[in-house]
Amino acid sequence: MTHNVPASELHSRMHALRQRMNQDHPEWELLAIFSKINQFYFTGTMQDAVLLIPRERDASYWVRRNIQRAQDESEFPDIRQMGSFRDAAATFDTLPQVIHLEGEPLPLSAFQRFNKHFQCEKPAPADLSISAVRAVKSGYE
């Protein structure tokens, strides 16, 4: 029998990440998490997906395949089906201009597909976001 990560724990982790981003990168507008390990830490599931964390609204987890599995495994409150990044981008009235990407390896083709719809004018250096993610995970700076 498996146990999902409690919603309260996921909320606590997200809150800590947002605080860290506000402290270290006050200009941030959106954080995109692509790696499955970090997705699991913040959502309780690992999918072919992207976790989008906007500064001014709740995070959403966009799953390409097997949304049912994601919903079964996770207590994350906002899990959505995604055909392409266009689906996620369409939920923004105005696309963010300062987008932080975690520093885990991301194939150029995946970034290009993401950037096609999010049009990052100022993508933050990869090492900025991942340092915040790791610090939240480990509990130290």
C-alpha atoms as a PDB file:
ATOM      1  CA  MET A   1       0.000   0.000   0.000  1.00  0.00           C
ATOM      2  CA  THR A   2       1.366   3.404  -0.942  1.00  0.00           C
ATOM      3  CA  HIS A   3       0.695   6.639   0.863  1.00  0.00           C
ATOM      4  CA  ASN A   4       0.465   9.979  -0.873  1.00  0.00           C
ATOM      5  CA  VAL A   5       2.456  12.927   0.419  1.00  0.00           C
ATOM      6  CA  PRO A   6      -0.087  14.856   2.520  1.00  0.00           C
ATOM      7  CA  ALA A   7      -1.488  18.046   0.996  1.00  0.00           C
ATOM      8  CA  SER A   8      -0.342  19.970   4.069  1.00  0.00           C
ATOM      9  CA  GLU A   9       3.270  18.886   3.445  1.00  0.00           C
ATOM     10  CA  LEU A  10       3.072  19.854  -0.237  1.00  0.00           C
ATOM     11  CA  HIS A  11       1.651  23.242   0.776  1.00  0.00           C
ATOM     12  CA  SER A  12       4.454  23.753   3.300  1.00  0.00           C
ATOM     13  CA  ARG A  13       7.120  22.921   0.727  1.00  0.00           C
ATOM     14  CA  MET A  14       5.584  25.283  -1.835  1.00  0.00           C
ATOM     15  CA  HIS A  15       5.333  28.057   0.746  1.00  0.00           C
ATOM     16  CA  ALA A  16       9.013  27.667   1.652  1.00  0.00           C
ATOM     17  CA  LEU A  17      10.001  27.725  -2.015  1.00  0.00           C
ATOM     18  CA  ARG A  18       8.007  30.893  -2.661  1.00  0.00           C
ATOM     19  CA  GLN A  19       9.567  32.596   0.362  1.00  0.00           C
ATOM     20  CA  ARG A  20      13.027  31.667  -0.870  1.00  0.00           C
ATOM     21  CA  MET A  21      12.309  32.905  -4.387  1.00  0.00           C
ATOM     22  CA  ASN A  22      10.935  36.196  -3.017  1.00  0.00           C
ATOM     23  CA  GLN A  23      14.035  36.619  -0.875  1.00  0.00           C
ATOM     24  CA  ASP A  24      16.668  35.642  -3.428  1.00  0.00           C
ATOM     25  CA  HIS A  25      15.012  36.720  -6.682  1.00  0.00           C
ATOM     26  CA  PRO A  26      12.473  39.480  -5.995  1.00  0.00           C
ATOM     27  CA  GLU A  27      11.954  39.992  -9.739  1.00  0.00           C
ATOM     28  CA  TRP A  28      10.687  36.448 -10.362  1.00  0.00           C
ATOM     29  CA  GLU A  29       7.352  36.031 -12.092  1.00  0.00           C
ATOM     30  CA  LEU A  30       7.285  32.322 -12.887  1.00  0.00           C
ATOM     31  CA  LEU A  31       9.274  29.244 -11.907  1.00  0.00           C
ATOM     32  CA  ALA A  32       9.086  26.218 -14.216  1.00  0.00           C
ATOM     33  CA  ILE A  33      10.110  22.825 -12.846  1.00  0.00           C
ATOM     34  CA  PHE A  34      10.754  20.077 -15.389  1.00  0.00           C
ATOM     35  CA  SER A  35      12.793  17.463 -13.504  1.00  0.00           C
ATOM     36  CA  LYS A  36      10.846  14.527 -12.142  1.00  0.00           C
ATOM     37  CA  ILE A  37      12.651  14.495  -8.803  1.00  0.00           C
ATOM     38  CA  ASN A  38      11.755  18.116  -8.076  1.00  0.00           C
ATOM     39  CA  GLN A  39       8.234  17.561  -9.409  1.00  0.00           C
ATOM     40  CA  PHE A  40       7.855  14.706  -6.942  1.00  0.00           C
ATOM     41  CA  TYR A  41       9.097  16.847  -4.069  1.00  0.00           C
ATOM     42  CA  PHE A  42       6.539  19.576  -4.759  1.00  0.00           C
ATOM     43  CA  THR A  43       3.591  17.537  -6.122  1.00  0.00           C
ATOM     44  CA  GLY A  44       3.980  13.986  -4.809  1.00  0.00           C
ATOM     45  CA  THR A  45       4.116  12.463  -8.296  1.00  0.00           C
ATOM     46  CA  MET A  46       6.573  12.194 -11.198  1.00  0.00           C
ATOM     47  CA  GLN A  47       5.128  12.520 -14.685  1.00  0.00           C
ATOM     48  CA  ASP A  48       5.938  13.731 -18.171  1.00  0.00           C
ATOM     49  CA  ALA A  49       4.908  17.178 -17.034  1.00  0.00           C
ATOM     50  CA  VAL A  50       5.883  20.676 -15.957  1.00  0.00           C
ATOM     51  CA  LEU A  51       5.136  22.337 -12.640  1.00  0.00           C
ATOM     52  CA  LEU A  52       4.428  26.033 -13.146  1.00  0.00           C
ATOM     53  CA  ILE A  53       4.677  28.258 -10.098  1.00  0.00           C
ATOM     54  CA  PRO A  54       3.545  31.817 -10.856  1.00  0.00           C
ATOM     55  CA  ARG A  55       4.410  34.463  -8.310  1.00  0.00           C
ATOM     56  CA  GLU A  56       0.921  35.934  -8.163  1.00  0.00           C
ATOM     57  CA  ARG A  57      -1.300  32.840  -8.241  1.00  0.00           C
ATOM     58  CA  ASP A  58      -1.441  29.188  -7.271  1.00  0.00           C
ATOM     59  CA  ALA A  59       0.874  26.663  -8.892  1.00  0.00           C
ATOM     60  CA  SER A  60      -0.431  24.205 -11.478  1.00  0.00           C
ATOM     61  CA  TYR A  61       0.931  20.847 -12.582  1.00  0.00           C
ATOM     62  CA  TRP A  62       0.581  20.219 -16.320  1.00  0.00           C
ATOM     63  CA  VAL A  63       0.680  16.531 -17.293  1.00  0.00           C
ATOM     64  CA  ARG A  64       1.167  15.338 -20.866  1.00  0.00           C
ATOM     65  CA  ARG A  65       0.184  11.717 -20.340  1.00  0.00           C
ATOM     66  CA  ASN A  66      -1.532   9.654 -17.692  1.00  0.00           C
ATOM     67  CA  ILE A  67      -3.284  12.389 -15.752  1.00  0.00           C
ATOM     68  CA  GLN A  68      -5.247   9.713 -13.902  1.00  0.00           C
ATOM     69  CA  ARG A  69      -2.053   8.290 -12.434  1.00  0.00           C
ATOM     70  CA  ALA A  70      -0.946  11.764 -11.367  1.00  0.00           C
ATOM     71  CA  GLN A  71      -4.285  12.367  -9.648  1.00  0.00           C
ATOM     72  CA  ASP A  72      -4.164   8.979  -7.934  1.00  0.00           C
ATOM     73  CA  GLU A  73      -0.617   9.497  -6.628  1.00  0.00           C
ATOM     74  CA  SER A  74      -0.845  13.144  -5.638  1.00  0.00           C
ATOM     75  CA  GLU A  75      -2.676  15.398  -3.225  1.00  0.00           C
ATOM     76  CA  PHE A  76      -1.533  18.436  -5.247  1.00  0.00           C
ATOM     77  CA  PRO A  77      -4.597  20.663  -5.699  1.00  0.00           C
ATOM     78  CA  ASP A  78      -4.259  21.689  -9.366  1.00  0.00           C
ATOM     79  CA  ILE A  79      -3.357  18.912 -11.816  1.00  0.00           C
ATOM     80  CA  ARG A  80      -4.279  19.563 -15.455  1.00  0.00           C
ATOM     81  CA  GLN A  81      -4.002  17.729 -18.767  1.00  0.00           C
ATOM     82  CA  MET A  82      -1.669  19.288 -21.319  1.00  0.00           C
ATOM     83  CA  GLY A  83      -1.431  18.544 -25.024  1.00  0.00           C
ATOM     84  CA  SER A  84       1.347  21.094 -25.440  1.00  0.00           C
ATOM     85  CA  PHE A  85       2.766  24.064 -23.571  1.00  0.00           C
ATOM     86  CA  ARG A  86       0.216  26.152 -25.481  1.00  0.00           C
ATOM     87  CA  ASP A  87      -2.448  24.809 -23.090  1.00  0.00           C
ATOM     88  CA  ALA A  88      -0.555  26.073 -20.054  1.00  0.00           C
ATOM     89  CA  ALA A  89       0.372  29.405 -21.650  1.00  0.00           C
ATOM     90  CA  ALA A  90      -3.278  30.052 -22.525  1.00  0.00           C
ATOM     91  CA  THR A  91      -4.145  30.268 -18.817  1.00  0.00           C
ATOM     92  CA  PHE A  92      -2.090  33.462 -18.419  1.00  0.00           C
ATOM     93  CA  ASP A  93      -3.714  36.811 -19.218  1.00  0.00           C
ATOM     94  CA  THR A  94      -0.228  38.225 -19.703  1.00  0.00           C
ATOM     95  CA  LEU A  95       2.775  35.960 -20.133  1.00  0.00           C
ATOM     96  CA  PRO A  96       5.469  36.380 -17.473  1.00  0.00           C
ATOM     97  CA  GLN A  97       8.617  38.163 -18.606  1.00  0.00           C
ATOM     98  CA  VAL A  98      10.991  36.878 -15.920  1.00  0.00           C
ATOM     99  CA  ILE A  99      10.897  33.101 -15.953  1.00  0.00           C
ATOM    100  CA  HIS A 100      13.202  31.050 -13.778  1.00  0.00           C
ATOM    101  CA  LEU A 101      14.071  27.548 -14.913  1.00  0.00           C
ATOM    102  CA  GLU A 102      15.505  24.984 -12.558  1.00  0.00           C
ATOM    103  CA  GLY A 103      19.083  23.994 -13.217  1.00  0.00           C
ATOM    104  CA  GLU A 104      18.522  20.297 -13.811  1.00  0.00           C
ATOM    105  CA  PRO A 105      19.401  19.201 -17.348  1.00  0.00           C
ATOM    106  CA  LEU A 106      16.712  20.157 -19.841  1.00  0.00           C
ATOM    107  CA  PRO A 107      17.088  19.174 -23.476  1.00  0.00           C
ATOM    108  CA  LEU A 108      17.306  22.148 -25.799  1.00  0.00           C
ATOM    109  CA  SER A 109      14.342  20.816 -27.774  1.00  0.00           C
ATOM    110  CA  ALA A 110      12.189  20.806 -24.612  1.00  0.00           C
ATOM    111  CA  PHE A 111      13.219  24.373 -23.797  1.00  0.00           C
ATOM    112  CA  GLN A 112      12.464  25.440 -27.364  1.00  0.00           C
ATOM    113  CA  ARG A 113       8.961  23.922 -27.168  1.00  0.00           C
ATOM    114  CA  PHE A 114       8.395  25.684 -23.838  1.00  0.00           C
ATOM    115  CA  ASN A 115       9.802  28.976 -25.096  1.00  0.00           C
ATOM    116  CA  LYS A 116       7.667  28.850 -28.243  1.00  0.00           C
ATOM    117  CA  HIS A 117       4.581  29.416 -26.102  1.00  0.00           C
ATOM    118  CA  PHE A 118       5.998  31.295 -23.099  1.00  0.00           C
ATOM    119  CA  GLN A 119       8.337  33.550 -25.104  1.00  0.00           C
ATOM    120  CA  CYS A 120      10.903  34.079 -22.360  1.00  0.00           C
ATOM    121  CA  GLU A 121      12.364  37.510 -22.897  1.00  0.00           C
ATOM    122  CA  LYS A 122      14.480  37.244 -19.774  1.00  0.00           C
ATOM    123  CA  PRO A 123      14.970  33.590 -18.823  1.00  0.00           C
ATOM    124  CA  ALA A 124      16.848  33.522 -15.552  1.00  0.00           C
ATOM    125  CA  PRO A 125      20.155  31.678 -15.443  1.00  0.00           C
ATOM    126  CA  ALA A 126      19.565  28.030 -14.654  1.00  0.00           C
ATOM    127  CA  ASP A 127      21.604  28.053 -11.450  1.00  0.00           C
ATOM    128  CA  LEU A 128      19.349  30.617  -9.754  1.00  0.00           C
ATOM    129  CA  SER A 129      16.165  28.594  -9.382  1.00  0.00           C
ATOM    130  CA  ILE A 130      17.683  25.243  -8.612  1.00  0.00           C
ATOM    131  CA  SER A 131      19.677  26.712  -5.732  1.00  0.00           C
ATOM    132  CA  ALA A 132      16.395  27.788  -4.155  1.00  0.00           C
ATOM    133  CA  VAL A 133      14.837  24.372  -4.736  1.00  0.00           C
ATOM    134  CA  ARG A 134      17.779  22.540  -3.204  1.00  0.00           C
ATOM    135  CA  ALA A 135      17.999  24.893  -0.235  1.00  0.00           C
ATOM    136  CA  VAL A 136      14.326  24.363   0.536  1.00  0.00           C
ATOM    137  CA  LYS A 137      14.793  20.601   0.284  1.00  0.00           C
ATOM    138  CA  SER A 138      17.851  20.470   2.470  1.00  0.00           C
ATOM    139  CA  GLY A 139      16.773  23.143   4.925  1.00  0.00           C
ATOM    140  CA  TYR A 140      19.976  25.144   4.685  1.00  0.00           C
ATOM    141  CA  GLU A 141      21.477  27.879   2.535  1.00  0.00           C
END
